[in-house]
Amino acid sequence: MKSQHGPTSTDELSLRDAKLIRLPAVTQRVGMQRTAVYGLIKEGKFPRPLKLGGASVWVDVEITRWMESLVAARDARA
C-alpha cells in the first residue's frame, strides 16, 4: 500500500527502523576500503553520507538498497 507522499509502507517501516552508521561500519559491511567508497560517491554510484555535527554518517537502509540494486542489475544481465 502506497502512502500519499511517496514511499510504500514497507519503505516507511525500513526507515523507521534504520540506523545511522559511521564509515568503519560502512566499509566493513560492503567489503571496500574508504577510498573506494568515496570514489563511488564521487561518481554518484554510492549513497551519499549525511553530515551530523562534524561526522559523516550513512543510513544503513540506503546501503542495503544499494547492495540490492547491484544484485538486481547482475540478475537482469543473466
N, C-alpha and C. Protein backbone atom coordinates (compact mmCIF):
# COMPACT_ATOMS: atom_id res chain seq x y z
N MET A 1 0.84 -1.18 0.00
CA MET A 1 0.00 0.00 0.00
C MET A 1 0.89 1.24 0.00
N LYS A 2 0.64 2.16 -0.91
CA LYS A 2 1.45 3.37 -1.01
C LYS A 2 0.82 4.48 -0.19
N SER A 3 1.70 5.28 0.43
CA SER A 3 1.20 6.46 1.11
C SER A 3 1.00 7.56 0.07
N GLN A 4 0.34 8.62 0.46
CA GLN A 4 0.07 9.71 -0.47
C GLN A 4 1.33 10.50 -0.79
N HIS A 5 2.36 10.36 0.02
CA HIS A 5 3.55 11.19 -0.14
C HIS A 5 4.76 10.43 -0.63
N GLY A 6 4.61 9.30 -1.30
CA GLY A 6 5.74 8.66 -1.93
C GLY A 6 6.01 7.23 -1.53
N PRO A 7 6.83 7.02 -0.47
CA PRO A 7 7.29 5.67 -0.21
C PRO A 7 6.17 4.73 0.22
N THR A 8 6.39 3.46 -0.04
CA THR A 8 5.43 2.46 0.40
C THR A 8 5.55 2.28 1.90
N SER A 9 4.57 1.62 2.49
CA SER A 9 4.62 1.40 3.94
C SER A 9 5.81 0.55 4.32
N THR A 10 6.26 -0.35 3.42
CA THR A 10 7.46 -1.14 3.69
C THR A 10 8.67 -0.23 3.78
N ASP A 11 8.78 0.75 2.88
CA ASP A 11 9.88 1.69 2.93
C ASP A 11 9.83 2.50 4.22
N GLU A 12 8.64 2.92 4.61
CA GLU A 12 8.49 3.70 5.83
C GLU A 12 8.94 2.88 7.03
N LEU A 13 8.59 1.60 7.07
CA LEU A 13 9.00 0.74 8.16
C LEU A 13 10.51 0.62 8.17
N SER A 14 11.11 0.44 7.00
CA SER A 14 12.56 0.31 6.92
C SER A 14 13.24 1.56 7.45
N LEU A 15 12.74 2.72 7.08
CA LEU A 15 13.34 3.96 7.57
C LEU A 15 13.09 4.17 9.05
N ARG A 16 11.95 3.73 9.52
CA ARG A 16 11.66 3.87 10.95
C ARG A 16 12.64 3.05 11.77
N ASP A 17 13.05 1.90 11.24
CA ASP A 17 13.98 1.02 11.95
C ASP A 17 15.43 1.27 11.55
N ALA A 18 15.69 2.25 10.70
CA ALA A 18 17.04 2.50 10.18
C ALA A 18 17.96 3.00 11.28
N LYS A 19 19.24 2.74 11.04
CA LYS A 19 20.28 3.23 11.95
C LYS A 19 21.27 4.06 11.15
N LEU A 20 21.89 5.00 11.82
CA LEU A 20 22.96 5.77 11.21
C LEU A 20 24.27 5.08 11.55
N ILE A 21 25.10 4.84 10.52
CA ILE A 21 26.35 4.15 10.76
C ILE A 21 27.52 4.98 10.26
N ARG A 22 28.66 4.84 10.91
CA ARG A 22 29.87 5.57 10.56
C ARG A 22 30.66 4.81 9.50
N LEU A 23 31.66 5.45 8.95
CA LEU A 23 32.43 4.88 7.85
C LEU A 23 33.04 3.50 8.15
N PRO A 24 33.61 3.25 9.33
CA PRO A 24 34.15 1.91 9.56
C PRO A 24 33.10 0.80 9.41
N ALA A 25 31.88 1.07 9.85
CA ALA A 25 30.80 0.08 9.69
C ALA A 25 30.40 -0.06 8.23
N VAL A 26 30.43 1.05 7.48
CA VAL A 26 30.10 1.01 6.05
C VAL A 26 31.13 0.17 5.31
N THR A 27 32.41 0.45 5.54
CA THR A 27 33.46 -0.28 4.82
C THR A 27 33.44 -1.76 5.17
N GLN A 28 33.18 -2.08 6.41
CA GLN A 28 33.09 -3.48 6.80
C GLN A 28 31.90 -4.16 6.13
N ARG A 29 30.80 -3.46 6.08
CA ARG A 29 29.57 -4.03 5.53
C ARG A 29 29.68 -4.28 4.03
N VAL A 30 30.30 -3.38 3.29
CA VAL A 30 30.37 -3.53 1.84
C VAL A 30 31.67 -4.17 1.37
N GLY A 31 32.63 -4.35 2.28
CA GLY A 31 33.88 -5.00 1.93
C GLY A 31 34.78 -4.18 1.03
N MET A 32 34.72 -2.87 1.19
CA MET A 32 35.57 -1.96 0.41
C MET A 32 36.28 -1.02 1.36
N GLN A 33 37.39 -0.50 0.88
CA GLN A 33 38.12 0.48 1.68
C GLN A 33 37.53 1.87 1.50
N ARG A 34 37.93 2.75 2.40
CA ARG A 34 37.45 4.13 2.42
C ARG A 34 37.56 4.81 1.07
N THR A 35 38.72 4.70 0.42
CA THR A 35 38.93 5.38 -0.85
C THR A 35 37.98 4.86 -1.93
N ALA A 36 37.68 3.58 -1.92
CA ALA A 36 36.74 3.01 -2.90
C ALA A 36 35.34 3.55 -2.66
N VAL A 37 34.93 3.62 -1.39
CA VAL A 37 33.61 4.13 -1.05
C VAL A 37 33.48 5.59 -1.51
N TYR A 38 34.46 6.43 -1.17
CA TYR A 38 34.38 7.83 -1.55
C TYR A 38 34.51 8.02 -3.06
N GLY A 39 35.24 7.14 -3.73
CA GLY A 39 35.31 7.18 -5.19
C GLY A 39 33.95 6.93 -5.82
N LEU A 40 33.23 5.93 -5.31
CA LEU A 40 31.89 5.63 -5.82
C LEU A 40 30.92 6.77 -5.51
N ILE A 41 31.06 7.39 -4.35
CA ILE A 41 30.21 8.55 -4.00
C ILE A 41 30.45 9.67 -5.02
N LYS A 42 31.71 9.93 -5.31
CA LYS A 42 32.06 11.00 -6.26
C LYS A 42 31.46 10.72 -7.64
N GLU A 43 31.41 9.43 -8.02
CA GLU A 43 30.84 9.04 -9.31
C GLU A 43 29.31 8.97 -9.29
N GLY A 44 28.71 9.20 -8.12
CA GLY A 44 27.26 9.12 -7.99
C GLY A 44 26.73 7.70 -7.97
N LYS A 45 27.58 6.75 -7.57
CA LYS A 45 27.21 5.34 -7.60
C LYS A 45 27.07 4.72 -6.21
N PHE A 46 27.11 5.52 -5.18
CA PHE A 46 27.00 5.03 -3.80
C PHE A 46 26.25 6.07 -2.99
N PRO A 47 25.47 5.65 -2.00
CA PRO A 47 24.72 6.63 -1.19
C PRO A 47 25.65 7.67 -0.54
N ARG A 48 25.23 8.92 -0.63
CA ARG A 48 26.00 10.00 -0.01
C ARG A 48 25.78 10.00 1.50
N PRO A 49 26.80 10.38 2.25
CA PRO A 49 26.63 10.46 3.69
C PRO A 49 25.84 11.70 4.10
N LEU A 50 25.33 11.64 5.31
CA LEU A 50 24.75 12.81 5.96
C LEU A 50 25.82 13.40 6.85
N LYS A 51 25.78 14.69 7.05
CA LYS A 51 26.69 15.33 7.99
C LYS A 51 25.94 15.50 9.31
N LEU A 52 26.49 14.96 10.35
CA LEU A 52 25.89 15.03 11.68
C LEU A 52 26.95 15.60 12.60
N GLY A 53 26.83 16.90 12.88
CA GLY A 53 27.91 17.58 13.57
C GLY A 53 29.10 17.61 12.63
N GLY A 54 30.23 17.14 13.07
CA GLY A 54 31.41 17.06 12.21
C GLY A 54 31.60 15.70 11.59
N ALA A 55 30.68 14.78 11.85
CA ALA A 55 30.85 13.40 11.39
C ALA A 55 30.02 13.12 10.15
N SER A 56 30.51 12.20 9.34
CA SER A 56 29.75 11.67 8.21
C SER A 56 29.10 10.37 8.65
N VAL A 57 27.82 10.23 8.37
CA VAL A 57 27.09 9.01 8.71
C VAL A 57 26.24 8.60 7.52
N TRP A 58 25.97 7.30 7.43
CA TRP A 58 25.14 6.77 6.36
C TRP A 58 23.92 6.11 6.98
N VAL A 59 22.82 6.11 6.23
CA VAL A 59 21.61 5.42 6.64
C VAL A 59 21.78 3.97 6.20
N ASP A 60 21.75 3.04 7.16
CA ASP A 60 22.02 1.64 6.84
C ASP A 60 21.06 1.08 5.80
N VAL A 61 19.83 1.54 5.79
CA VAL A 61 18.84 1.08 4.82
C VAL A 61 19.26 1.47 3.40
N GLU A 62 19.85 2.65 3.24
CA GLU A 62 20.32 3.06 1.92
C GLU A 62 21.46 2.17 1.43
N ILE A 63 22.31 1.74 2.33
CA ILE A 63 23.39 0.83 1.97
C ILE A 63 22.80 -0.50 1.53
N THR A 64 21.81 -0.98 2.27
CA THR A 64 21.13 -2.24 1.89
C THR A 64 20.50 -2.11 0.52
N ARG A 65 19.81 -1.02 0.26
CA ARG A 65 19.16 -0.82 -1.05
C ARG A 65 20.20 -0.76 -2.16
N TRP A 66 21.35 -0.14 -1.90
CA TRP A 66 22.42 -0.08 -2.89
C TRP A 66 22.90 -1.49 -3.23
N MET A 67 23.12 -2.31 -2.20
CA MET A 67 23.55 -3.69 -2.43
C MET A 67 22.48 -4.47 -3.20
N GLU A 68 21.22 -4.27 -2.85
CA GLU A 68 20.12 -4.94 -3.57
C GLU A 68 20.10 -4.53 -5.04
N SER A 69 20.40 -3.26 -5.31
CA SER A 69 20.40 -2.80 -6.70
C SER A 69 21.53 -3.44 -7.49
N LEU A 70 22.67 -3.69 -6.86
CA LEU A 70 23.77 -4.38 -7.53
C LEU A 70 23.37 -5.81 -7.90
N VAL A 71 22.73 -6.48 -6.98
CA VAL A 71 22.27 -7.86 -7.23
C VAL A 71 21.22 -7.87 -8.33
N ALA A 72 20.28 -6.92 -8.28
CA ALA A 72 19.23 -6.85 -9.30
C ALA A 72 19.83 -6.60 -10.68
N ALA A 73 20.83 -5.71 -10.76
CA ALA A 73 21.48 -5.42 -12.04
C ALA A 73 22.21 -6.66 -12.55
N ARG A 74 22.88 -7.36 -11.67
CA ARG A 74 23.56 -8.59 -12.06
C ARG A 74 22.57 -9.61 -12.58
N ASP A 75 21.48 -9.79 -11.87
CA ASP A 75 20.48 -10.78 -12.26
C ASP A 75 19.77 -10.41 -13.56
N ALA A 76 19.63 -9.12 -13.81
CA ALA A 76 18.99 -8.68 -15.06
C ALA A 76 19.87 -8.98 -16.26
N ARG A 77 21.17 -8.99 -16.05
CA ARG A 77 22.10 -9.31 -17.14
C ARG A 77 22.20 -10.80 -17.40
N ALA A 78 21.82 -11.61 -16.43
CA ALA A 78 21.97 -13.08 -16.55
C ALA A 78 20.97 -13.67 -17.52
